C-alpha atoms as a PDB file:
ATOM      1  CA  UNK A   1       1.429 -12.468 -16.168  1.00  0.00           C
ATOM      2  CA  UNK A   2       4.797 -10.409 -16.901  1.00  0.00           C
ATOM      3  CA  UNK A   3       6.751 -10.155 -13.571  1.00  0.00           C
ATOM      4  CA  UNK A   4       6.253  -6.614 -13.145  1.00  0.00           C
ATOM      5  CA  UNK A   5       3.322  -4.470 -14.401  1.00  0.00           C
ATOM      6  CA  UNK A   6       3.920  -1.298 -15.499  1.00  0.00           C
ATOM      7  CA  UNK A   7       1.208   1.945 -15.044  1.00  0.00           C
ATOM      8  CA  UNK A   8       3.027   5.286 -15.855  1.00  0.00           C
ATOM      9  CA  UNK A   9       6.496   6.381 -15.807  1.00  0.00           C
ATOM     10  CA  UNK A  10       8.217   4.729 -13.001  1.00  0.00           C
ATOM     11  CA  UNK A  11       6.111   2.828 -11.252  1.00  0.00           C
ATOM     12  CA  UNK A  12       5.102  -0.808 -11.689  1.00  0.00           C
ATOM     13  CA  UNK A  13       3.102  -3.134  -9.923  1.00  0.00           C
ATOM     14  CA  UNK A  14       3.184  -6.834  -9.050  1.00  0.00           C
ATOM     15  CA  UNK A  15       0.051  -8.703  -8.133  1.00  0.00           C
ATOM     16  CA  UNK A  16      -0.121 -11.941  -6.752  1.00  0.00           C
ATOM     17  CA  UNK A  17      -2.488 -14.556  -4.532  1.00  0.00           C
ATOM     18  CA  UNK A  18      -3.375 -13.741  -0.904  1.00  0.00           C
ATOM     19  CA  UNK A  19      -5.318 -15.112   1.409  1.00  0.00           C
ATOM     20  CA  UNK A  20      -7.495 -13.487   3.882  1.00  0.00           C
ATOM     21  CA  UNK A  21      -9.054 -15.456   7.145  1.00  0.00           C
ATOM     22  CA  UNK A  22      -9.783 -18.236   3.867  1.00  0.00           C
ATOM     23  CA  UNK A  23     -10.910 -15.247   1.417  1.00  0.00           C
ATOM     24  CA  UNK A  24      -8.525 -15.330  -1.573  1.00  0.00           C
ATOM     25  CA  UNK A  25      -8.539 -11.020  -1.128  1.00  0.00           C
ATOM     26  CA  UNK A  26      -5.363 -10.437  -3.638  1.00  0.00           C
ATOM     27  CA  UNK A  27      -1.901  -8.797  -2.596  1.00  0.00           C
ATOM     28  CA  UNK A  28       0.203  -6.398  -4.673  1.00  0.00           C
ATOM     29  CA  UNK A  29       3.411  -4.930  -4.574  1.00  0.00           C
ATOM     30  CA  UNK A  30       4.084  -0.938  -5.950  1.00  0.00           C
ATOM     31  CA  UNK A  31       7.988  -0.278  -7.200  1.00  0.00           C
ATOM     32  CA  UNK A  32       8.300   2.784  -7.566  1.00  0.00           C
ATOM     33  CA  UNK A  33      11.781   4.408  -9.624  1.00  0.00           C
ATOM     34  CA  UNK A  34      13.640   7.618  -7.194  1.00  0.00           C
ATOM     35  CA  UNK A  35      14.878  10.494  -8.995  1.00  0.00           C
ATOM     36  CA  UNK A  36      18.029   8.664  -7.996  1.00  0.00           C
ATOM     37  CA  UNK A  37      17.858   5.786  -9.863  1.00  0.00           C
ATOM     38  CA  UNK A  38      16.649   3.507  -7.063  1.00  0.00           C
ATOM     39  CA  UNK A  39      13.989   1.887  -6.316  1.00  0.00           C
ATOM     40  CA  UNK A  40      11.628   1.820  -3.656  1.00  0.00           C
ATOM     41  CA  UNK A  41       9.777  -1.332  -2.882  1.00  0.00           C
ATOM     42  CA  UNK A  42       6.259  -0.786  -1.533  1.00  0.00           C
ATOM     43  CA  UNK A  43       4.172  -3.880  -0.015  1.00  0.00           C
ATOM     44  CA  UNK A  44       6.659  -6.824  -0.940  1.00  0.00           C
ATOM     45  CA  UNK A  45       5.481 -10.543  -2.786  1.00  0.00           C
ATOM     46  CA  UNK A  46       7.308 -13.008  -2.452  1.00  0.00           C
ATOM     47  CA  UNK A  47      10.484 -12.772  -4.226  1.00  0.00           C
ATOM     48  CA  UNK A  48      10.544 -15.248  -7.007  1.00  0.00           C
ATOM     49  CA  UNK A  49      13.467 -15.678  -9.488  1.00  0.00           C
ATOM     50  CA  UNK A  50      11.698 -14.524 -12.379  1.00  0.00           C
ATOM     51  CA  UNK A  51      10.625 -11.499  -9.736  1.00  0.00           C
ATOM     52  CA  UNK A  52      13.944 -10.629  -8.202  1.00  0.00           C
ATOM     53  CA  UNK A  53      15.055 -10.334 -12.143  1.00  0.00           C
ATOM     54  CA  UNK A  54      12.356  -7.917 -13.334  1.00  0.00           C
ATOM     55  CA  UNK A  55      13.055  -5.529 -10.318  1.00  0.00           C
ATOM     56  CA  UNK A  56      16.577  -5.875 -10.737  1.00  0.00           C
ATOM     57  CA  UNK A  57      17.184  -4.723 -14.249  1.00  0.00           C
ATOM     58  CA  UNK A  58      14.488  -1.469 -13.278  1.00  0.00           C
ATOM     59  CA  UNK A  59      17.634  -0.216 -10.221  1.00  0.00           C
ATOM     60  CA  UNK A  60      19.435  -0.824  -6.962  1.00  0.00           C
ATOM     61  CA  UNK A  61      16.767  -1.429  -4.261  1.00  0.00           C
ATOM     62  CA  UNK A  62      17.179   1.637  -2.060  1.00  0.00           C
ATOM     63  CA  UNK A  63      14.387   1.198   0.185  1.00  0.00           C
ATOM     64  CA  UNK A  64      11.622  -2.199   1.289  1.00  0.00           C
ATOM     65  CA  UNK A  65       8.529  -0.312   3.434  1.00  0.00           C
ATOM     66  CA  UNK A  66       6.036  -2.473   5.032  1.00  0.00           C
ATOM     67  CA  UNK A  67       2.958  -0.020   4.887  1.00  0.00           C
ATOM     68  CA  UNK A  68       0.246  -2.078   7.793  1.00  0.00           C
ATOM     69  CA  UNK A  69       0.383  -4.329  10.353  1.00  0.00           C
ATOM     70  CA  UNK A  70      -0.913  -6.867   7.705  1.00  0.00           C
ATOM     71  CA  UNK A  71       1.740  -6.631   4.797  1.00  0.00           C
ATOM     72  CA  UNK A  72       4.970  -7.777   5.995  1.00  0.00           C
ATOM     73  CA  UNK A  73       5.645 -11.607   5.306  1.00  0.00           C
ATOM     74  CA  UNK A  74       7.803 -11.304   2.734  1.00  0.00           C
ATOM     75  CA  UNK A  75      10.026  -8.920   4.094  1.00  0.00           C
ATOM     76  CA  UNK A  76      12.139 -10.955   5.291  1.00  0.00           C
ATOM     77  CA  UNK A  77      13.078 -12.428   1.576  1.00  0.00           C
ATOM     78  CA  UNK A  78      13.787  -9.010   0.927  1.00  0.00           C
ATOM     79  CA  UNK A  79      15.732  -8.350   3.184  1.00  0.00           C
ATOM     80  CA  UNK A  80      18.544 -11.049   2.793  1.00  0.00           C
ATOM     81  CA  UNK A  81      18.289 -10.738  -0.899  1.00  0.00           C
ATOM     82  CA  UNK A  82      18.617  -6.685  -0.195  1.00  0.00           C
ATOM     83  CA  UNK A  83      21.310  -5.713   2.786  1.00  0.00           C
ATOM     84  CA  UNK A  84      22.092  -2.561   1.738  1.00  0.00           C
ATOM     85  CA  UNK A  85      18.459  -1.124   1.750  1.00  0.00           C
ATOM     86  CA  UNK A  86      16.477  -0.055   4.449  1.00  0.00           C
ATOM     87  CA  UNK A  87      13.636  -1.506   5.664  1.00  0.00           C
ATOM     88  CA  UNK A  88      10.971   0.375   6.990  1.00  0.00           C
ATOM     89  CA  UNK A  89       8.135  -0.568   8.951  1.00  0.00           C
ATOM     90  CA  UNK A  90       4.477   1.198   9.991  1.00  0.00           C
ATOM     91  CA  UNK A  91       3.771   2.019  13.703  1.00  0.00           C
ATOM     92  CA  UNK A  92       4.265  -0.853  16.068  1.00  0.00           C
ATOM     93  CA  UNK A  93       4.658  -3.312  13.424  1.00  0.00           C
ATOM     94  CA  UNK A  94       8.872  -3.579  14.779  1.00  0.00           C
ATOM     95  CA  UNK A  95       7.569  -4.497  17.537  1.00  0.00           C
ATOM     96  CA  UNK A  96       4.917  -7.355  15.935  1.00  0.00           C
ATOM     97  CA  UNK A  97       7.107  -8.594  14.175  1.00  0.00           C
ATOM     98  CA  UNK A  98      11.136  -8.378  16.353  1.00  0.00           C
ATOM     99  CA  UNK A  99      12.022 -11.166  14.076  1.00  0.00           C
ATOM    100  CA  UNK A 100      13.361  -8.363  11.045  1.00  0.00           C
ATOM    101  CA  UNK A 101      16.106  -5.898  11.992  1.00  0.00           C
ATOM    102  CA  UNK A 102      13.902  -2.771  10.902  1.00  0.00           C
ATOM    103  CA  UNK A 103      16.387   0.379   9.707  1.00  0.00           C
ATOM    104  CA  UNK A 104      12.827   3.006  10.900  1.00  0.00           C
ATOM    105  CA  UNK A 105       9.604   3.360  11.480  1.00  0.00           C
ATOM    106  CA  UNK A 106       8.038   5.217   9.429  1.00  0.00           C
ATOM    107  CA  UNK A 107       5.917   8.628  10.462  1.00  0.00           C
ATOM    108  CA  UNK A 108       3.950  11.282   9.269  1.00  0.00           C
ATOM    109  CA  UNK A 109       6.931  13.109   7.513  1.00  0.00           C
ATOM    110  CA  UNK A 110       9.093  11.275   4.372  1.00  0.00           C
ATOM    111  CA  UNK A 111      12.718   9.950   4.652  1.00  0.00           C
ATOM    112  CA  UNK A 112      15.588  11.439   3.182  1.00  0.00           C
ATOM    113  CA  UNK A 113      15.868   8.350   0.273  1.00  0.00           C
ATOM    114  CA  UNK A 114      12.178   9.868  -1.512  1.00  0.00           C
ATOM    115  CA  UNK A 115      11.135  13.514   0.732  1.00  0.00           C
ATOM    116  CA  UNK A 116      10.312  15.784  -2.270  1.00  0.00           C
ATOM    117  CA  UNK A 117       9.016  13.260  -4.693  1.00  0.00           C
ATOM    118  CA  UNK A 118       6.712  10.411  -2.370  1.00  0.00           C
ATOM    119  CA  UNK A 119       4.358  12.417   0.686  1.00  0.00           C
ATOM    120  CA  UNK A 120       3.016  10.601   3.130  1.00  0.00           C
ATOM    121  CA  UNK A 121       0.435   9.658   6.321  1.00  0.00           C
ATOM    122  CA  UNK A 122       0.065   8.160   8.785  1.00  0.00           C
ATOM    123  CA  UNK A 123      -3.142   6.884   8.784  1.00  0.00           C
ATOM    124  CA  UNK A 124      -3.620   5.903  12.622  1.00  0.00           C
ATOM    125  CA  UNK A 125      -6.323   6.839  13.132  1.00  0.00           C
ATOM    126  CA  UNK A 126      -7.458   3.025  11.424  1.00  0.00           C
ATOM    127  CA  UNK A 127      -5.077   1.438  14.087  1.00  0.00           C
ATOM    128  CA  UNK A 128      -6.536  -1.922  12.997  1.00  0.00           C
ATOM    129  CA  UNK A 129      -3.592  -2.103  10.158  1.00  0.00           C
ATOM    130  CA  UNK A 130      -1.327   1.369  11.846  1.00  0.00           C
ATOM    131  CA  UNK A 131      -0.715   2.173   7.733  1.00  0.00           C
ATOM    132  CA  UNK A 132       1.317   4.202   5.743  1.00  0.00           C
ATOM    133  CA  UNK A 133      -0.175   5.919   2.989  1.00  0.00           C
ATOM    134  CA  UNK A 134       1.711   7.308  -0.119  1.00  0.00           C
ATOM    135  CA  UNK A 135       1.336   9.849  -2.948  1.00  0.00           C
ATOM    136  CA  UNK A 136       3.802   9.708  -6.025  1.00  0.00           C
ATOM    137  CA  UNK A 137       3.874  13.435  -7.089  1.00  0.00           C
ATOM    138  CA  UNK A 138       5.038  12.964 -10.357  1.00  0.00           C
ATOM    139  CA  UNK A 139       2.157  11.023 -11.085  1.00  0.00           C
ATOM    140  CA  UNK A 140      -0.153  11.815  -8.352  1.00  0.00           C
ATOM    141  CA  UNK A 141      -0.947   8.127  -8.139  1.00  0.00           C
ATOM    142  CA  UNK A 142      -2.266   7.205  -4.196  1.00  0.00           C
ATOM    143  CA  UNK A 143      -0.194   3.652  -2.891  1.00  0.00           C
ATOM    144  CA  UNK A 144      -1.877   2.156  -0.348  1.00  0.00           C
ATOM    145  CA  UNK A 145      -2.422  -1.145   0.933  1.00  0.00           C
ATOM    146  CA  UNK A 146      -5.567  -1.399   2.921  1.00  0.00           C
ATOM    147  CA  UNK A 147      -6.958   2.274   3.267  1.00  0.00           C
ATOM    148  CA  UNK A 148      -8.897   1.709  -0.015  1.00  0.00           C
ATOM    149  CA  UNK A 149     -10.432  -1.508  -0.858  1.00  0.00           C
ATOM    150  CA  UNK A 150     -12.551  -2.845  -4.059  1.00  0.00           C
ATOM    151  CA  UNK A 151     -13.096  -6.441  -3.802  1.00  0.00           C
ATOM    152  CA  UNK A 152     -16.680  -6.212  -5.170  1.00  0.00           C
ATOM    153  CA  UNK A 153     -15.130  -7.439  -9.180  1.00  0.00           C
ATOM    154  CA  UNK A 154     -13.314 -10.141  -7.895  1.00  0.00           C
ATOM    155  CA  UNK A 155     -12.716 -13.342 -10.024  1.00  0.00           C
ATOM    156  CA  UNK A 156     -14.356 -15.214  -6.669  1.00  0.00           C
ATOM    157  CA  UNK A 157     -17.082 -16.008  -5.950  1.00  0.00           C
ATOM    158  CA  UNK A 158     -17.264 -15.833  -2.299  1.00  0.00           C
ATOM    159  CA  UNK A 159     -14.472 -12.788  -2.240  1.00  0.00           C
ATOM    160  CA  UNK A 160     -17.766 -11.134  -4.448  1.00  0.00           C
ATOM    161  CA  UNK A 161     -20.032 -12.318  -0.545  1.00  0.00           C
ATOM    162  CA  UNK A 162     -17.623 -11.509   1.719  1.00  0.00           C
ATOM    163  CA  UNK A 163     -17.080  -7.758   0.013  1.00  0.00           C
ATOM    164  CA  UNK A 164     -21.474  -7.241  -0.402  1.00  0.00           C
ATOM    165  CA  UNK A 165     -21.728  -8.448   3.418  1.00  0.00           C
ATOM    166  CA  UNK A 166     -18.646  -5.902   4.069  1.00  0.00           C
ATOM    167  CA  UNK A 167     -20.368  -2.862   2.369  1.00  0.00           C
ATOM    168  CA  UNK A 168     -17.703  -2.739  -0.363  1.00  0.00           C
ATOM    169  CA  UNK A 169     -19.687  -2.007  -3.611  1.00  0.00           C
ATOM    170  CA  UNK A 170     -17.504   0.108  -5.427  1.00  0.00           C
ATOM    171  CA  UNK A 171     -13.897   1.150  -4.674  1.00  0.00           C
ATOM    172  CA  UNK A 172     -13.867   2.443  -0.985  1.00  0.00           C
ATOM    173  CA  UNK A 173     -13.130   1.314   2.384  1.00  0.00           C
ATOM    174  CA  UNK A 174     -16.020  -1.007   4.213  1.00  0.00           C
ATOM    175  CA  UNK A 175     -18.469  -0.948   6.406  1.00  0.00           C
ATOM    176  CA  UNK A 176     -16.575  -2.184   9.202  1.00  0.00           C
ATOM    177  CA  UNK A 177     -14.206   1.606   9.256  1.00  0.00           C
ATOM    178  CA  UNK A 178     -16.797   2.670  11.113  1.00  0.00           C
ATOM    179  CA  UNK A 179     -16.763   1.471  14.151  1.00  0.00           C
ATOM    180  CA  UNK A 180     -13.390  -0.060  14.287  1.00  0.00           C
ATOM    181  CA  UNK A 181     -12.361   4.110  13.995  1.00  0.00           C
ATOM    182  CA  UNK A 182     -12.836   5.746  17.636  1.00  0.00           C
ATOM    183  CA  UNK A 183     -11.258   8.511  16.635  1.00  0.00           C
ATOM    184  CA  UNK A 184     -13.241  10.233  14.165  1.00  0.00           C
ATOM    185  CA  UNK A 185     -11.916  13.751  14.395  1.00  0.00           C
ATOM    186  CA  UNK A 186      -7.757  12.239  14.239  1.00  0.00           C
ATOM    187  CA  UNK A 187      -9.090  10.194  10.942  1.00  0.00           C
ATOM    188  CA  UNK A 188     -11.055  13.250   9.494  1.00  0.00           C
ATOM    189  CA  UNK A 189      -8.221  14.768   9.774  1.00  0.00           C
ATOM    190  CA  UNK A 190      -5.679  12.085   8.172  1.00  0.00           C
ATOM    191  CA  UNK A 191      -8.187  12.027   5.084  1.00  0.00           C
ATOM    192  CA  UNK A 192      -8.302  15.719   4.402  1.00  0.00           C
ATOM    193  CA  UNK A 193      -4.126  15.347   4.192  1.00  0.00           C
ATOM    194  CA  UNK A 194      -5.019  12.593   1.681  1.00  0.00           C
ATOM    195  CA  UNK A 195      -7.071  14.772  -0.218  1.00  0.00           C
ATOM    196  CA  UNK A 196      -5.036  17.980  -0.098  1.00  0.00           C
ATOM    197  CA  UNK A 197      -3.433  15.995  -2.637  1.00  0.00           C
ATOM    198  CA  UNK A 198      -5.880  15.135  -5.489  1.00  0.00           C
ATOM    199  CA  UNK A 199      -4.644  12.050  -6.701  1.00  0.00           C
ATOM    200  CA  UNK A 200      -6.203  10.294  -9.930  1.00  0.00           C
ATOM    201  CA  UNK A 201      -5.473   6.942  -9.638  1.00  0.00           C
ATOM    202  CA  UNK A 202      -4.636   5.232  -6.857  1.00  0.00           C
ATOM    203  CA  UNK A 203      -2.593   1.994  -7.051  1.00  0.00           C
ATOM    204  CA  UNK A 204      -4.003  -0.676  -3.881  1.00  0.00           C
ATOM    205  CA  UNK A 205      -3.452  -3.727  -2.550  1.00  0.00           C
ATOM    206  CA  UNK A 206      -6.713  -5.356  -2.919  1.00  0.00           C
ATOM    207  CA  UNK A 207      -8.668  -5.744  -6.169  1.00  0.00           C
ATOM    208  CA  UNK A 208      -8.109  -3.768  -9.239  1.00  0.00           C
ATOM    209  CA  UNK A 209      -6.844  -0.334  -9.640  1.00  0.00           C
ATOM    210  CA  UNK A 210      -8.506   3.031  -9.453  1.00  0.00           C
ATOM    211  CA  UNK A 211      -6.898   4.448 -13.268  1.00  0.00           C
ATOM    212  CA  UNK A 212      -8.637   7.722 -12.653  1.00  0.00           C
ATOM    213  CA  UNK A 213     -11.127   9.848 -10.720  1.00  0.00           C
ATOM    214  CA  UNK A 214      -8.950   8.883  -7.364  1.00  0.00           C
ATOM    215  CA  UNK A 215      -9.683  12.202  -5.224  1.00  0.00           C
ATOM    216  CA  UNK A 216     -13.300  10.950  -6.148  1.00  0.00           C
ATOM    217  CA  UNK A 217     -13.268   7.652  -4.804  1.00  0.00           C
ATOM    218  CA  UNK A 218     -11.353   8.592  -1.187  1.00  0.00           C
ATOM    219  CA  UNK A 219     -13.464  11.515  -0.823  1.00  0.00           C
ATOM    220  CA  UNK A 220     -16.510   9.412  -1.421  1.00  0.00           C
ATOM    221  CA  UNK A 221     -14.634   6.625   0.739  1.00  0.00           C
ATOM    222  CA  UNK A 222     -14.856   8.347   4.033  1.00  0.00           C
ATOM    223  CA  UNK A 223     -17.409  11.155   3.713  1.00  0.00           C
ATOM    224  CA  UNK A 224     -19.398   9.932   6.500  1.00  0.00           C
ATOM    225  CA  UNK A 225     -16.064  10.671   9.305  1.00  0.00           C
END
């Protein structure tokens, strides 16, 4: 597999292996080229020599984003490699990973480096992850870590079984959200803000990408709220 896979203009991904509680879920990094030529790196994967060369060929890294309380494992490698980049945490991660030097804690308002190009919503009602979900306006791409899962077709039989038990039979949320989300009114408001983006594709961390119809996938995933 190549170091970076182009998806659409100015947007690339890199998939990697990741096990959670003994189950292979995979993970995925997203790289967006901003208008000034700098790069927005979402949910970074291990920074191998091949990956670094591919990233450097695209432009200077402007921002490294840890969008969820569970998507931070490799941030330290990127801080060392790109000391001039801003390093942004989802709310609460700055306390969980005090060993890392964070530049900013993300919220609902886009940072100046990507304002007008990427929109964002702090999905705080999903407090297990505290994820900040992004939307790339130019390509109508929703970029998320854990808000949408797509594990029902995973190559691992164990992962497919776990996905079935979690109710992840198609791209969407799982049954756990119905228990974990306590403030459904807040969750509904946050999801509605994402739906207003009218996303086409979805780049997610766990499972195959959603190449089209992303708005309907998101709507269906949280229709129960």
